[in-house]
Amino acid sequence: YWSRKFNVHQTDPEVVKHVLYVAARHGYLQVFEKYWSQGPQEKLSKLWDKETCSWAAFHGHLEVLKWLRAKGCPWDIQTSAAAAYGVHLEVLQWMRGQD
């Protein structure tokens, strides 16, 4: 519901950032896809950060993590730690094969 009513262009950037965190935590790939298709993509890509990838990794949402990385979302060692802490071996294995 909330993702259909939300307009990335008319909402405070901090609110958008938190919506992206929630989407990453819950594996709502369609939220990322919808906002990416609404554009401008450079605006959206400035709102996500390493924490966005970490939330997806911690909760084992590999498809979300793959999509985020394909679009240039940053990650770091904390992303790996989040996947390990969440006990998501598949995510860790995929991450190891990337950078």
PDB file of N, CA and C in Angstrom:
ATOM      1  N   TYR A   1       0.821  -1.203   0.000  1.00  0.00           N
ATOM      2  CA  TYR A   1       0.000   0.000   0.000  1.00  0.00           C
ATOM      3  C   TYR A   1       0.862   1.263   0.000  1.00  0.00           C
ATOM      4  N   TRP A   2       1.750   1.376   0.986  1.00  0.00           N
ATOM      5  CA  TRP A   2       2.531   2.604   1.120  1.00  0.00           C
ATOM      6  C   TRP A   2       3.401   2.865  -0.095  1.00  0.00           C
ATOM      7  N   SER A   3       3.862   1.800  -0.745  1.00  0.00           N
ATOM      8  CA  SER A   3       4.740   2.019  -1.900  1.00  0.00           C
ATOM      9  C   SER A   3       3.969   2.554  -3.106  1.00  0.00           C
ATOM     10  N   ARG A   4       2.680   2.292  -3.179  1.00  0.00           N
ATOM     11  CA  ARG A   4       1.878   2.814  -4.295  1.00  0.00           C
ATOM     12  C   ARG A   4       1.545   4.290  -4.092  1.00  0.00           C
ATOM     13  N   LYS A   5       1.416   4.707  -2.853  1.00  0.00           N
ATOM     14  CA  LYS A   5       1.015   6.077  -2.535  1.00  0.00           C
ATOM     15  C   LYS A   5       2.200   7.036  -2.444  1.00  0.00           C
ATOM     16  N   PHE A   6       3.375   6.497  -2.379  1.00  0.00           N
ATOM     17  CA  PHE A   6       4.577   7.282  -2.131  1.00  0.00           C
ATOM     18  C   PHE A   6       5.111   7.874  -3.422  1.00  0.00           C
ATOM     19  N   ASN A   7       5.450   9.159  -3.401  1.00  0.00           N
ATOM     20  CA  ASN A   7       6.020   9.817  -4.574  1.00  0.00           C
ATOM     21  C   ASN A   7       7.422  10.306  -4.227  1.00  0.00           C
ATOM     22  N   VAL A   8       8.410   9.703  -4.845  1.00  0.00           N
ATOM     23  CA  VAL A   8       9.809  10.002  -4.540  1.00  0.00           C
ATOM     24  C   VAL A   8      10.167  11.459  -4.824  1.00  0.00           C
ATOM     25  N   HIS A   9       9.446  12.114  -5.717  1.00  0.00           N
ATOM     26  CA  HIS A   9       9.765  13.492  -6.094  1.00  0.00           C
ATOM     27  C   HIS A   9       9.195  14.531  -5.133  1.00  0.00           C
ATOM     28  N   GLN A  10       8.186  14.164  -4.360  1.00  0.00           N
ATOM     29  CA  GLN A  10       7.515  15.131  -3.502  1.00  0.00           C
ATOM     30  C   GLN A  10       7.702  14.839  -2.024  1.00  0.00           C
ATOM     31  N   THR A  11       8.644  14.000  -1.685  1.00  0.00           N
ATOM     32  CA  THR A  11       8.828  13.577  -0.305  1.00  0.00           C
ATOM     33  C   THR A  11      10.222  13.964   0.177  1.00  0.00           C
ATOM     34  N   ASP A  12      10.307  14.320   1.436  1.00  0.00           N
ATOM     35  CA  ASP A  12      11.585  14.675   2.050  1.00  0.00           C
ATOM     36  C   ASP A  12      12.612  13.558   1.816  1.00  0.00           C
ATOM     37  N   PRO A  13      13.831  13.899   1.405  1.00  0.00           N
ATOM     38  CA  PRO A  13      14.847  12.886   1.119  1.00  0.00           C
ATOM     39  C   PRO A  13      15.138  11.938   2.285  1.00  0.00           C
ATOM     40  N   GLU A  14      15.072  12.430   3.518  1.00  0.00           N
ATOM     41  CA  GLU A  14      15.312  11.543   4.663  1.00  0.00           C
ATOM     42  C   GLU A  14      14.207  10.506   4.796  1.00  0.00           C
ATOM     43  N   VAL A  15      12.992  10.879   4.451  1.00  0.00           N
ATOM     44  CA  VAL A  15      11.884   9.924   4.470  1.00  0.00           C
ATOM     45  C   VAL A  15      12.103   8.870   3.391  1.00  0.00           C
ATOM     46  N   VAL A  16      12.516   9.310   2.208  1.00  0.00           N
ATOM     47  CA  VAL A  16      12.799   8.372   1.116  1.00  0.00           C
ATOM     48  C   VAL A  16      13.879   7.391   1.545  1.00  0.00           C
ATOM     49  N   LYS A  17      14.926   7.896   2.178  1.00  0.00           N
ATOM     50  CA  LYS A  17      16.023   7.044   2.633  1.00  0.00           C
ATOM     51  C   LYS A  17      15.510   5.955   3.576  1.00  0.00           C
ATOM     52  N   HIS A  18      14.650   6.326   4.498  1.00  0.00           N
ATOM     53  CA  HIS A  18      14.115   5.348   5.440  1.00  0.00           C
ATOM     54  C   HIS A  18      13.161   4.365   4.769  1.00  0.00           C
ATOM     55  N   VAL A  19      12.427   4.822   3.780  1.00  0.00           N
ATOM     56  CA  VAL A  19      11.584   3.910   2.997  1.00  0.00           C
ATOM     57  C   VAL A  19      12.464   2.870   2.305  1.00  0.00           C
ATOM     58  N   LEU A  20      13.603   3.302   1.775  1.00  0.00           N
ATOM     59  CA  LEU A  20      14.521   2.365   1.120  1.00  0.00           C
ATOM     60  C   LEU A  20      15.095   1.369   2.118  1.00  0.00           C
ATOM     61  N   TYR A  21      15.389   1.810   3.339  1.00  0.00           N
ATOM     62  CA  TYR A  21      15.858   0.883   4.370  1.00  0.00           C
ATOM     63  C   TYR A  21      14.799  -0.174   4.667  1.00  0.00           C
ATOM     64  N   VAL A  22      13.561   0.261   4.807  1.00  0.00           N
ATOM     65  CA  VAL A  22      12.466  -0.688   5.074  1.00  0.00           C
ATOM     66  C   VAL A  22      12.328  -1.671   3.914  1.00  0.00           C
ATOM     67  N   ALA A  23      12.397  -1.169   2.694  1.00  0.00           N
ATOM     68  CA  ALA A  23      12.296  -2.042   1.517  1.00  0.00           C
ATOM     69  C   ALA A  23      13.431  -3.060   1.500  1.00  0.00           C
ATOM     70  N   ALA A  24      14.633  -2.637   1.840  1.00  0.00           N
ATOM     71  CA  ALA A  24      15.775  -3.557   1.875  1.00  0.00           C
ATOM     72  C   ALA A  24      15.599  -4.595   2.974  1.00  0.00           C
ATOM     73  N   ARG A  25      15.152  -4.170   4.148  1.00  0.00           N
ATOM     74  CA  ARG A  25      14.949  -5.095   5.276  1.00  0.00           C
ATOM     75  C   ARG A  25      13.925  -6.166   4.961  1.00  0.00           C
ATOM     76  N   HIS A  26      12.889  -5.783   4.245  1.00  0.00           N
ATOM     77  CA  HIS A  26      11.784  -6.710   3.999  1.00  0.00           C
ATOM     78  C   HIS A  26      11.835  -7.370   2.627  1.00  0.00           C
ATOM     79  N   GLY A  27      12.838  -7.041   1.845  1.00  0.00           N
ATOM     80  CA  GLY A  27      12.994  -7.681   0.541  1.00  0.00           C
ATOM     81  C   GLY A  27      12.026  -7.193  -0.514  1.00  0.00           C
ATOM     82  N   TYR A  28      11.597  -5.945  -0.403  1.00  0.00           N
ATOM     83  CA  TYR A  28      10.636  -5.388  -1.349  1.00  0.00           C
ATOM     84  C   TYR A  28      11.346  -4.857  -2.592  1.00  0.00           C
ATOM     85  N   LEU A  29      11.806  -5.759  -3.420  1.00  0.00           N
ATOM     86  CA  LEU A  29      12.511  -5.383  -4.642  1.00  0.00           C
ATOM     87  C   LEU A  29      11.655  -4.491  -5.527  1.00  0.00           C
ATOM     88  N   GLN A  30      10.352  -4.737  -5.558  1.00  0.00           N
ATOM     89  CA  GLN A  30       9.466  -3.958  -6.414  1.00  0.00           C
ATOM     90  C   GLN A  30       9.459  -2.480  -6.036  1.00  0.00           C
ATOM     91  N   VAL A  31       9.721  -2.159  -4.779  1.00  0.00           N
ATOM     92  CA  VAL A  31       9.801  -0.752  -4.372  1.00  0.00           C
ATOM     93  C   VAL A  31      10.996  -0.086  -5.043  1.00  0.00           C
ATOM     94  N   PHE A  32      12.146  -0.738  -5.002  1.00  0.00           N
ATOM     95  CA  PHE A  32      13.338  -0.189  -5.662  1.00  0.00           C
ATOM     96  C   PHE A  32      13.117  -0.057  -7.166  1.00  0.00           C
ATOM     97  N   GLU A  33      12.545  -1.085  -7.761  1.00  0.00           N
ATOM     98  CA  GLU A  33      12.302  -1.054  -9.210  1.00  0.00           C
ATOM     99  C   GLU A  33      11.349   0.075  -9.588  1.00  0.00           C
ATOM    100  N   LYS A  34      10.307   0.259  -8.783  1.00  0.00           N
ATOM    101  CA  LYS A  34       9.328   1.308  -9.083  1.00  0.00           C
ATOM    102  C   LYS A  34       9.966   2.689  -9.003  1.00  0.00           C
ATOM    103  N   TYR A  35      10.680   2.954  -7.925  1.00  0.00           N
ATOM    104  CA  TYR A  35      11.279   4.274  -7.764  1.00  0.00           C
ATOM    105  C   TYR A  35      12.383   4.514  -8.774  1.00  0.00           C
ATOM    106  N   TRP A  36      13.108   3.463  -9.145  1.00  0.00           N
ATOM    107  CA  TRP A  36      14.152   3.593 -10.162  1.00  0.00           C
ATOM    108  C   TRP A  36      13.523   3.959 -11.503  1.00  0.00           C
ATOM    109  N   SER A  37      12.392   3.346 -11.827  1.00  0.00           N
ATOM    110  CA  SER A  37      11.736   3.615 -13.108  1.00  0.00           C
ATOM    111  C   SER A  37      11.097   5.003 -13.138  1.00  0.00           C
ATOM    112  N   GLN A  38      10.759   5.551 -11.976  1.00  0.00           N
ATOM    113  CA  GLN A  38      10.179   6.895 -11.919  1.00  0.00           C
ATOM    114  C   GLN A  38      11.221   7.971 -12.193  1.00  0.00           C
ATOM    115  N   GLY A  39      12.504   7.639 -11.933  1.00  0.00           N
ATOM    116  CA  GLY A  39      13.589   8.590 -12.161  1.00  0.00           C
ATOM    117  C   GLY A  39      13.420   9.863 -11.354  1.00  0.00           C
ATOM    118  N   PRO A  40      14.340  10.775 -11.354  1.00  0.00           N
ATOM    119  CA  PRO A  40      15.662  10.594 -11.949  1.00  0.00           C
ATOM    120  C   PRO A  40      16.517   9.652 -11.106  1.00  0.00           C
ATOM    121  N   GLN A  41      17.167   8.738 -11.764  1.00  0.00           N
ATOM    122  CA  GLN A  41      17.923   7.712 -11.062  1.00  0.00           C
ATOM    123  C   GLN A  41      19.069   8.279 -10.233  1.00  0.00           C
ATOM    124  N   GLU A  42      19.689   9.346 -10.707  1.00  0.00           N
ATOM    125  CA  GLU A  42      20.806   9.905  -9.936  1.00  0.00           C
ATOM    126  C   GLU A  42      20.341  10.443  -8.583  1.00  0.00           C
ATOM    127  N   LYS A  43      19.104  10.919  -8.509  1.00  0.00           N
ATOM    128  CA  LYS A  43      18.567  11.389  -7.228  1.00  0.00           C
ATOM    129  C   LYS A  43      18.379  10.218  -6.275  1.00  0.00           C
ATOM    130  N   LEU A  44      17.804   9.143  -6.772  1.00  0.00           N
ATOM    131  CA  LEU A  44      17.583   7.971  -5.934  1.00  0.00           C
ATOM    132  C   LEU A  44      18.905   7.360  -5.494  1.00  0.00           C
ATOM    133  N   SER A  45      19.860   7.282  -6.400  1.00  0.00           N
ATOM    134  CA  SER A  45      21.136   6.659  -6.053  1.00  0.00           C
ATOM    135  C   SER A  45      21.919   7.475  -5.023  1.00  0.00           C
ATOM    136  N   LYS A  46      21.591   8.746  -4.846  1.00  0.00           N
ATOM    137  CA  LYS A  46      22.229   9.547  -3.795  1.00  0.00           C
ATOM    138  C   LYS A  46      21.602   9.283  -2.428  1.00  0.00           C
ATOM    139  N   LEU A  47      20.434   8.674  -2.412  1.00  0.00           N
ATOM    140  CA  LEU A  47      19.731   8.442  -1.154  1.00  0.00           C
ATOM    141  C   LEU A  47      20.046   7.095  -0.524  1.00  0.00           C
ATOM    142  N   TRP A  48      20.467   6.136  -1.338  1.00  0.00           N
ATOM    143  CA  TRP A  48      20.829   4.868  -0.712  1.00  0.00           C
ATOM    144  C   TRP A  48      22.297   4.902  -0.350  1.00  0.00           C
ATOM    145  N   ASP A  49      22.676   3.999   0.560  1.00  0.00           N
ATOM    146  CA  ASP A  49      24.044   3.982   1.040  1.00  0.00           C
ATOM    147  C   ASP A  49      24.422   2.568   1.460  1.00  0.00           C
ATOM    148  N   LYS A  50      25.580   2.444   2.099  1.00  0.00           N
ATOM    149  CA  LYS A  50      26.064   1.131   2.524  1.00  0.00           C
ATOM    150  C   LYS A  50      25.072   0.438   3.448  1.00  0.00           C
ATOM    151  N   GLU A  51      24.386   1.234   4.238  1.00  0.00           N
ATOM    152  CA  GLU A  51      23.414   0.674   5.169  1.00  0.00           C
ATOM    153  C   GLU A  51      22.250   0.000   4.431  1.00  0.00           C
ATOM    154  N   THR A  52      21.895   0.511   3.270  1.00  0.00           N
ATOM    155  CA  THR A  52      20.830  -0.104   2.472  1.00  0.00           C
ATOM    156  C   THR A  52      21.223  -1.528   2.104  1.00  0.00           C
ATOM    157  N   CYS A  53      22.443  -1.707   1.602  1.00  0.00           N
ATOM    158  CA  CYS A  53      22.927  -3.055   1.272  1.00  0.00           C
ATOM    159  C   CYS A  53      23.035  -3.922   2.522  1.00  0.00           C
ATOM    160  N   SER A  54      23.468  -3.337   3.618  1.00  0.00           N
ATOM    161  CA  SER A  54      23.612  -4.110   4.857  1.00  0.00           C
ATOM    162  C   SER A  54      22.278  -4.648   5.352  1.00  0.00           C
ATOM    163  N   TRP A  55      21.224  -3.840   5.234  1.00  0.00           N
ATOM    164  CA  TRP A  55      19.903  -4.324   5.647  1.00  0.00           C
ATOM    165  C   TRP A  55      19.459  -5.505   4.791  1.00  0.00           C
ATOM    166  N   ALA A  56      19.673  -5.416   3.493  1.00  0.00           N
ATOM    167  CA  ALA A  56      19.306  -6.531   2.611  1.00  0.00           C
ATOM    168  C   ALA A  56      20.123  -7.770   2.950  1.00  0.00           C
ATOM    169  N   ALA A  57      21.417  -7.603   3.183  1.00  0.00           N
ATOM    170  CA  ALA A  57      22.293  -8.732   3.496  1.00  0.00           C
ATOM    171  C   ALA A  57      21.924  -9.370   4.831  1.00  0.00           C
ATOM    172  N   PHE A  58      21.681  -8.558   5.840  1.00  0.00           N
ATOM    173  CA  PHE A  58      21.351  -9.070   7.171  1.00  0.00           C
ATOM    174  C   PHE A  58      20.099  -9.938   7.149  1.00  0.00           C
ATOM    175  N   HIS A  59      19.145  -9.555   6.324  1.00  0.00           N
ATOM    176  CA  HIS A  59      17.883 -10.297   6.257  1.00  0.00           C
ATOM    177  C   HIS A  59      17.859 -11.330   5.136  1.00  0.00           C
ATOM    178  N   GLY A  60      18.980 -11.493   4.434  1.00  0.00           N
ATOM    179  CA  GLY A  60      19.095 -12.555   3.435  1.00  0.00           C
ATOM    180  C   GLY A  60      18.377 -12.304   2.131  1.00  0.00           C
ATOM    181  N   HIS A  61      18.147 -11.060   1.791  1.00  0.00           N
ATOM    182  CA  HIS A  61      17.441 -10.730   0.550  1.00  0.00           C
ATOM    183  C   HIS A  61      18.445 -10.567  -0.591  1.00  0.00           C
ATOM    184  N   LEU A  62      18.895 -11.710  -1.089  1.00  0.00           N
ATOM    185  CA  LEU A  62      19.949 -11.727  -2.096  1.00  0.00           C
ATOM    186  C   LEU A  62      19.537 -11.024  -3.381  1.00  0.00           C
ATOM    187  N   GLU A  63      18.320 -11.212  -3.834  1.00  0.00           N
ATOM    188  CA  GLU A  63      17.893 -10.567  -5.081  1.00  0.00           C
ATOM    189  C   GLU A  63      17.888  -9.046  -4.944  1.00  0.00           C
ATOM    190  N   VAL A  64      17.493  -8.565  -3.787  1.00  0.00           N
ATOM    191  CA  VAL A  64      17.535  -7.116  -3.544  1.00  0.00           C
ATOM    192  C   VAL A  64      18.983  -6.644  -3.550  1.00  0.00           C
ATOM    193  N   LEU A  65      19.852  -7.375  -2.875  1.00  0.00           N
ATOM    194  CA  LEU A  65      21.264  -7.007  -2.829  1.00  0.00           C
ATOM    195  C   LEU A  65      21.887  -7.013  -4.224  1.00  0.00           C
ATOM    196  N   LYS A  66      21.573  -8.017  -5.012  1.00  0.00           N
ATOM    197  CA  LYS A  66      22.090  -8.074  -6.388  1.00  0.00           C
ATOM    198  C   LYS A  66      21.622  -6.866  -7.196  1.00  0.00           C
ATOM    199  N   TRP A  67      20.355  -6.535  -7.060  1.00  0.00           N
ATOM    200  CA  TRP A  67      19.802  -5.404  -7.805  1.00  0.00           C
ATOM    201  C   TRP A  67      20.480  -4.102  -7.370  1.00  0.00           C
ATOM    202  N   LEU A  68      20.597  -3.913  -6.069  1.00  0.00           N
ATOM    203  CA  LEU A  68      21.239  -2.703  -5.555  1.00  0.00           C
ATOM    204  C   LEU A  68      22.667  -2.565  -6.074  1.00  0.00           C
ATOM    205  N   ARG A  69      23.416  -3.643  -6.032  1.00  0.00           N
ATOM    206  CA  ARG A  69      24.806  -3.600  -6.494  1.00  0.00           C
ATOM    207  C   ARG A  69      24.881  -3.335  -7.996  1.00  0.00           C
ATOM    208  N   ALA A  70      23.961  -3.915  -8.754  1.00  0.00           N
ATOM    209  CA  ALA A  70      23.948  -3.694 -10.205  1.00  0.00           C
ATOM    210  C   ALA A  70      23.683  -2.228 -10.535  1.00  0.00           C
ATOM    211  N   LYS A  71      22.984  -1.541  -9.644  1.00  0.00           N
ATOM    212  CA  LYS A  71      22.677  -0.125  -9.855  1.00  0.00           C
ATOM    213  C   LYS A  71      23.697   0.796  -9.187  1.00  0.00           C
ATOM    214  N   GLY A  72      24.736   0.222  -8.596  1.00  0.00           N
ATOM    215  CA  GLY A  72      25.810   1.031  -8.033  1.00  0.00           C
ATOM    216  C   GLY A  72      25.698   1.377  -6.565  1.00  0.00           C
ATOM    217  N   CYS A  73      24.800   0.733  -5.843  1.00  0.00           N
ATOM    218  CA  CYS A  73      24.691   1.002  -4.411  1.00  0.00           C
ATOM    219  C   CYS A  73      25.970   0.526  -3.716  1.00  0.00           C
ATOM    220  N   PRO A  74      26.569   1.367  -2.864  1.00  0.00           N
ATOM    221  CA  PRO A  74      27.825   0.980  -2.220  1.00  0.00           C
ATOM    222  C   PRO A  74      27.631  -0.058  -1.118  1.00  0.00           C
ATOM    223  N   TRP A  75      28.734  -0.760  -0.833  1.00  0.00           N
ATOM    224  CA  TRP A  75      28.768  -1.676   0.303  1.00  0.00           C
ATOM    225  C   TRP A  75      30.170  -1.669   0.861  1.00  0.00           C
ATOM    226  N   ASP A  76      30.329  -2.303   2.019  1.00  0.00           N
ATOM    227  CA  ASP A  76      31.646  -2.379   2.633  1.00  0.00           C
ATOM    228  C   ASP A  76      31.713  -3.636   3.494  1.00  0.00           C
ATOM    229  N   ILE A  77      32.722  -3.715   4.337  1.00  0.00           N
ATOM    230  CA  ILE A  77      32.919  -4.890   5.187  1.00  0.00           C
ATOM    231  C   ILE A  77      31.734  -5.102   6.129  1.00  0.00           C
ATOM    232  N   GLN A  78      31.053  -4.035   6.496  1.00  0.00           N
ATOM    233  CA  GLN A  78      29.887  -4.162   7.370  1.00  0.00           C
ATOM    234  C   GLN A  78      28.742  -4.911   6.686  1.00  0.00           C
ATOM    235  N   THR A  79      28.684  -4.826   5.376  1.00  0.00           N
ATOM    236  CA  THR A  79      27.666  -5.571   4.636  1.00  0.00           C
ATOM    237  C   THR A  79      27.918  -7.063   4.778  1.00  0.00           C
ATOM    238  N   SER A  80      29.173  -7.471   4.659  1.00  0.00           N
ATOM    239  CA  SER A  80      29.539  -8.877   4.863  1.00  0.00           C
ATOM    240  C   SER A  80      29.255  -9.300   6.298  1.00  0.00           C
ATOM    241  N   ALA A  81      29.596  -8.435   7.235  1.00  0.00           N
ATOM    242  CA  ALA A  81      29.339  -8.736   8.642  1.00  0.00           C
ATOM    243  C   ALA A  81      27.845  -8.903   8.898  1.00  0.00           C
ATOM    244  N   ALA A  82      27.038  -8.085   8.255  1.00  0.00           N
ATOM    245  CA  ALA A  82      25.583  -8.186   8.418  1.00  0.00           C
ATOM    246  C   ALA A  82      25.067  -9.519   7.890  1.00  0.00           C
ATOM    247  N   ALA A  83      25.567  -9.941   6.734  1.00  0.00           N
ATOM    248  CA  ALA A  83      25.157 -11.238   6.174  1.00  0.00           C
ATOM    249  C   ALA A  83      25.586 -12.371   7.092  1.00  0.00           C
ATOM    250  N   ALA A  84      26.791 -12.280   7.646  1.00  0.00           N
ATOM    251  CA  ALA A  84      27.288 -13.317   8.556  1.00  0.00           C
ATOM    252  C   ALA A  84      26.472 -13.340   9.842  1.00  0.00           C
ATOM    253  N   TYR A  85      26.196 -12.175  10.394  1.00  0.00           N
ATOM    254  CA  TYR A  85      25.420 -12.082  11.623  1.00  0.00           C
ATOM    255  C   TYR A  85      24.007 -12.621  11.422  1.00  0.00           C
ATOM    256  N   GLY A  86      23.459 -12.407  10.233  1.00  0.00           N
ATOM    257  CA  GLY A  86      22.135 -12.934   9.905  1.00  0.00           C
ATOM    258  C   GLY A  86      22.162 -14.394   9.480  1.00  0.00           C
ATOM    259  N   VAL A  87      23.349 -14.980   9.418  1.00  0.00           N
ATOM    260  CA  VAL A  87      23.580 -16.382   9.047  1.00  0.00           C
ATOM    261  C   VAL A  87      23.024 -16.681   7.652  1.00  0.00           C
ATOM    262  N   HIS A  88      23.442 -15.879   6.693  1.00  0.00           N
ATOM    263  CA  HIS A  88      23.003 -16.054   5.309  1.00  0.00           C
ATOM    264  C   HIS A  88      24.204 -16.418   4.444  1.00  0.00           C
ATOM    265  N   LEU A  89      24.528 -17.711   4.443  1.00  0.00           N
ATOM    266  CA  LEU A  89      25.694 -18.218   3.734  1.00  0.00           C
ATOM    267  C   LEU A  89      25.609 -17.953   2.238  1.00  0.00           C
ATOM    268  N   GLU A  90      24.427 -18.110   1.663  1.00  0.00           N
ATOM    269  CA  GLU A  90      24.257 -17.871   0.228  1.00  0.00           C
ATOM    270  C   GLU A  90      24.623 -16.427  -0.134  1.00  0.00           C
ATOM    271  N   VAL A  91      24.236 -15.499   0.715  1.00  0.00           N
ATOM    272  CA  VAL A  91      24.560 -14.089   0.481  1.00  0.00           C
ATOM    273  C   VAL A  91      26.069 -13.885   0.572  1.00  0.00           C
ATOM    274  N   LEU A  92      26.689 -14.459   1.595  1.00  0.00           N
ATOM    275  CA  LEU A  92      28.141 -14.336   1.755  1.00  0.00           C
ATOM    276  C   LEU A  92      28.888 -14.930   0.569  1.00  0.00           C
ATOM    277  N   GLN A  93      28.433 -16.081   0.108  1.00  0.00           N
ATOM    278  CA  GLN A  93      29.094 -16.719  -1.035  1.00  0.00           C
ATOM    279  C   GLN A  93      28.985 -15.845  -2.279  1.00  0.00           C
ATOM    280  N   TRP A  94      27.827 -15.286  -2.508  1.00  0.00           N
ATOM    281  CA  TRP A  94      27.660 -14.407  -3.664  1.00  0.00           C
ATOM    282  C   TRP A  94      28.549 -13.173  -3.528  1.00  0.00           C
ATOM    283  N   MET A  95      28.569 -12.590  -2.347  1.00  0.00           N
ATOM    284  CA  MET A  95      29.375 -11.393  -2.120  1.00  0.00           C
ATOM    285  C   MET A  95      30.854 -11.668  -2.357  1.00  0.00           C
ATOM    286  N   ARG A  96      31.306 -12.807  -1.912  1.00  0.00           N
ATOM    287  CA  ARG A  96      32.722 -13.153  -2.073  1.00  0.00           C
ATOM    288  C   ARG A  96      33.116 -13.212  -3.545  1.00  0.00           C
ATOM    289  N   GLY A  97      32.203 -13.634  -4.385  1.00  0.00           N
ATOM    290  CA  GLY A  97      32.484 -13.738  -5.809  1.00  0.00           C
ATOM    291  C   GLY A  97      32.416 -12.418  -6.560  1.00  0.00           C
ATOM    292  N   GLN A  98      32.088 -11.323  -5.870  1.00  0.00           N
ATOM    293  CA  GLN A  98      31.919 -10.032  -6.536  1.00  0.00           C
ATOM    294  C   GLN A  98      33.206  -9.226  -6.584  1.00  0.00           C
ATOM    295  N   ASP A  99      33.443  -8.371  -5.684  1.00  0.00           N
ATOM    296  CA  ASP A  99      34.582  -7.437  -5.748  1.00  0.00           C
ATOM    297  C   ASP A  99      35.899  -8.101  -5.727  1.00  0.00           C
TER     298      ASP A  99
END
